[in-house]
Amino acid sequence: MNENDINYIYERASKRIKLFRKYRKLTQEQLSTDSTFSRGFIANIESKKTKQSFSLGTLYYISLKLNIPIELFVKKDISKELKELGMEEK
């Protein structure tokens, strides 16, 4: 996907939401707890098949809930940060 395509950033952030959620050992249901987001909404965000858009506020909430700096969801290269966490991006 081209970086000039608006879906590019959604795809990157969605992939990383799932990556960090699994790193924190949370289910989609647990991630949606205490928020206005349903488990289905979280599932749509993480799905490769569904092009679910979401707001900056949504990303901010998820970053707080996962205790991951918000910039790691959108930054181009996070290999250094992942290494520090003992992770790899798939």
C-alpha atoms as a PDB file:
ATOM      1  CA  MET A   1       0.000   0.000   0.000  1.00  0.00           C
ATOM      2  CA  ASN A   2       1.189   3.502  -0.870  1.00  0.00           C
ATOM      3  CA  GLU A   3       2.055   5.892   1.979  1.00  0.00           C
ATOM      4  CA  ASN A   4       0.000   8.588   0.205  1.00  0.00           C
ATOM      5  CA  ASP A   5      -3.141   6.452   0.525  1.00  0.00           C
ATOM      6  CA  ILE A   6      -5.132   7.449   3.622  1.00  0.00           C
ATOM      7  CA  ASN A   7      -5.797   3.783   4.402  1.00  0.00           C
ATOM      8  CA  TYR A   8      -2.057   3.240   4.842  1.00  0.00           C
ATOM      9  CA  ILE A   9      -1.955   4.789   8.320  1.00  0.00           C
ATOM     10  CA  TYR A  10      -5.111   2.963   9.398  1.00  0.00           C
ATOM     11  CA  GLU A  11      -3.590  -0.335   8.270  1.00  0.00           C
ATOM     12  CA  ARG A  12      -0.356   0.335  10.176  1.00  0.00           C
ATOM     13  CA  ALA A  13      -2.128   1.435  13.351  1.00  0.00           C
ATOM     14  CA  SER A  14      -4.606  -1.453  13.183  1.00  0.00           C
ATOM     15  CA  LYS A  15      -1.835  -4.007  12.836  1.00  0.00           C
ATOM     16  CA  ARG A  16      -0.002  -2.522  15.798  1.00  0.00           C
ATOM     17  CA  ILE A  17      -3.114  -2.312  17.965  1.00  0.00           C
ATOM     18  CA  LYS A  18      -3.471  -6.070  17.568  1.00  0.00           C
ATOM     19  CA  LEU A  19       0.271  -6.617  18.097  1.00  0.00           C
ATOM     20  CA  PHE A  20       0.377  -4.622  21.343  1.00  0.00           C
ATOM     21  CA  ARG A  21      -2.959  -5.994  22.598  1.00  0.00           C
ATOM     22  CA  LYS A  22      -1.590  -9.511  22.276  1.00  0.00           C
ATOM     23  CA  TYR A  23       1.689  -8.417  23.884  1.00  0.00           C
ATOM     24  CA  ARG A  24      -0.312  -7.181  26.879  1.00  0.00           C
ATOM     25  CA  LYS A  25      -2.251 -10.480  26.828  1.00  0.00           C
ATOM     26  CA  LEU A  26      -5.636  -8.777  26.536  1.00  0.00           C
ATOM     27  CA  THR A  27      -8.649 -10.004  24.627  1.00  0.00           C
ATOM     28  CA  GLN A  28     -10.635  -7.654  22.417  1.00  0.00           C
ATOM     29  CA  GLU A  29     -13.355  -7.785  25.083  1.00  0.00           C
ATOM     30  CA  GLN A  30     -10.902  -6.741  27.804  1.00  0.00           C
ATOM     31  CA  LEU A  31      -9.593  -3.896  25.639  1.00  0.00           C
ATOM     32  CA  SER A  32     -13.112  -2.613  25.089  1.00  0.00           C
ATOM     33  CA  THR A  33     -13.951  -2.753  28.823  1.00  0.00           C
ATOM     34  CA  ASP A  34     -14.453   0.627  30.505  1.00  0.00           C
ATOM     35  CA  SER A  35     -14.799   2.329  27.136  1.00  0.00           C
ATOM     36  CA  THR A  36     -17.568   3.253  24.765  1.00  0.00           C
ATOM     37  CA  PHE A  37     -16.105   0.851  22.191  1.00  0.00           C
ATOM     38  CA  SER A  38     -17.650  -2.530  21.598  1.00  0.00           C
ATOM     39  CA  ARG A  39     -15.662  -5.716  21.135  1.00  0.00           C
ATOM     40  CA  GLY A  40     -16.971  -5.763  17.567  1.00  0.00           C
ATOM     41  CA  PHE A  41     -15.536  -2.304  16.918  1.00  0.00           C
ATOM     42  CA  ILE A  42     -12.137  -3.430  18.217  1.00  0.00           C
ATOM     43  CA  ALA A  43     -12.413  -6.558  16.047  1.00  0.00           C
ATOM     44  CA  ASN A  44     -13.191  -4.419  12.988  1.00  0.00           C
ATOM     45  CA  ILE A  45     -10.205  -2.169  13.701  1.00  0.00           C
ATOM     46  CA  GLU A  46      -7.898  -5.184  13.897  1.00  0.00           C
ATOM     47  CA  SER A  47      -9.369  -7.022  10.904  1.00  0.00           C
ATOM     48  CA  LYS A  48      -7.455  -7.115   7.621  1.00  0.00           C
ATOM     49  CA  LYS A  49     -10.756  -7.597   5.780  1.00  0.00           C
ATOM     50  CA  THR A  50     -12.596  -4.637   7.287  1.00  0.00           C
ATOM     51  CA  LYS A  51     -11.447  -1.101   6.533  1.00  0.00           C
ATOM     52  CA  GLN A  52     -12.593   0.371   9.860  1.00  0.00           C
ATOM     53  CA  SER A  53     -11.616   3.981  10.367  1.00  0.00           C
ATOM     54  CA  PHE A  54     -11.263   5.372  13.876  1.00  0.00           C
ATOM     55  CA  SER A  55     -10.528   8.668  15.527  1.00  0.00           C
ATOM     56  CA  LEU A  56      -7.395   9.983  17.135  1.00  0.00           C
ATOM     57  CA  GLY A  57      -9.340   9.847  20.402  1.00  0.00           C
ATOM     58  CA  THR A  58      -9.895   6.123  19.894  1.00  0.00           C
ATOM     59  CA  LEU A  59      -6.192   5.570  19.269  1.00  0.00           C
ATOM     60  CA  TYR A  60      -5.349   7.668  22.339  1.00  0.00           C
ATOM     61  CA  TYR A  61      -7.672   5.599  24.544  1.00  0.00           C
ATOM     62  CA  ILE A  62      -6.203   2.338  23.215  1.00  0.00           C
ATOM     63  CA  SER A  63      -2.651   3.577  23.778  1.00  0.00           C
ATOM     64  CA  LEU A  64      -3.517   4.440  27.390  1.00  0.00           C
ATOM     65  CA  LYS A  65      -5.270   1.124  27.985  1.00  0.00           C
ATOM     66  CA  LEU A  66      -2.288  -0.801  26.535  1.00  0.00           C
ATOM     67  CA  ASN A  67       0.271   1.478  28.207  1.00  0.00           C
ATOM     68  CA  ILE A  68       2.051   1.979  24.884  1.00  0.00           C
ATOM     69  CA  PRO A  69       3.094   5.467  23.679  1.00  0.00           C
ATOM     70  CA  ILE A  70       0.657   6.623  20.990  1.00  0.00           C
ATOM     71  CA  GLU A  71       3.417   7.387  18.511  1.00  0.00           C
ATOM     72  CA  LEU A  72       4.358   3.692  18.318  1.00  0.00           C
ATOM     73  CA  PHE A  73       1.062   2.991  16.557  1.00  0.00           C
ATOM     74  CA  VAL A  74       1.910   5.294  13.655  1.00  0.00           C
ATOM     75  CA  LYS A  75       5.697   5.740  13.602  1.00  0.00           C
ATOM     76  CA  LYS A  76       7.294   4.238  10.513  1.00  0.00           C
ATOM     77  CA  ASP A  77      10.120   2.272  12.139  1.00  0.00           C
ATOM     78  CA  ILE A  78       9.594   0.962  15.647  1.00  0.00           C
ATOM     79  CA  SER A  79      12.143  -1.861  15.510  1.00  0.00           C
ATOM     80  CA  LYS A  80      14.240  -0.289  18.292  1.00  0.00           C
ATOM     81  CA  GLU A  81      11.235   0.081  20.590  1.00  0.00           C
ATOM     82  CA  LEU A  82      10.033  -3.448  19.844  1.00  0.00           C
ATOM     83  CA  LYS A  83      13.481  -4.834  20.603  1.00  0.00           C
ATOM     84  CA  GLU A  84      13.409  -3.048  23.964  1.00  0.00           C
ATOM     85  CA  LEU A  85      10.060  -4.752  24.665  1.00  0.00           C
ATOM     86  CA  GLY A  86      11.423  -8.115  23.510  1.00  0.00           C
ATOM     87  CA  MET A  87       9.047  -8.170  20.546  1.00  0.00           C
ATOM     88  CA  GLU A  88       9.091  -8.419  16.759  1.00  0.00           C
ATOM     89  CA  GLU A  89       6.664  -6.860  14.298  1.00  0.00           C
ATOM     90  CA  LYS A  90       5.070  -9.510  12.131  1.00  0.00           C
END
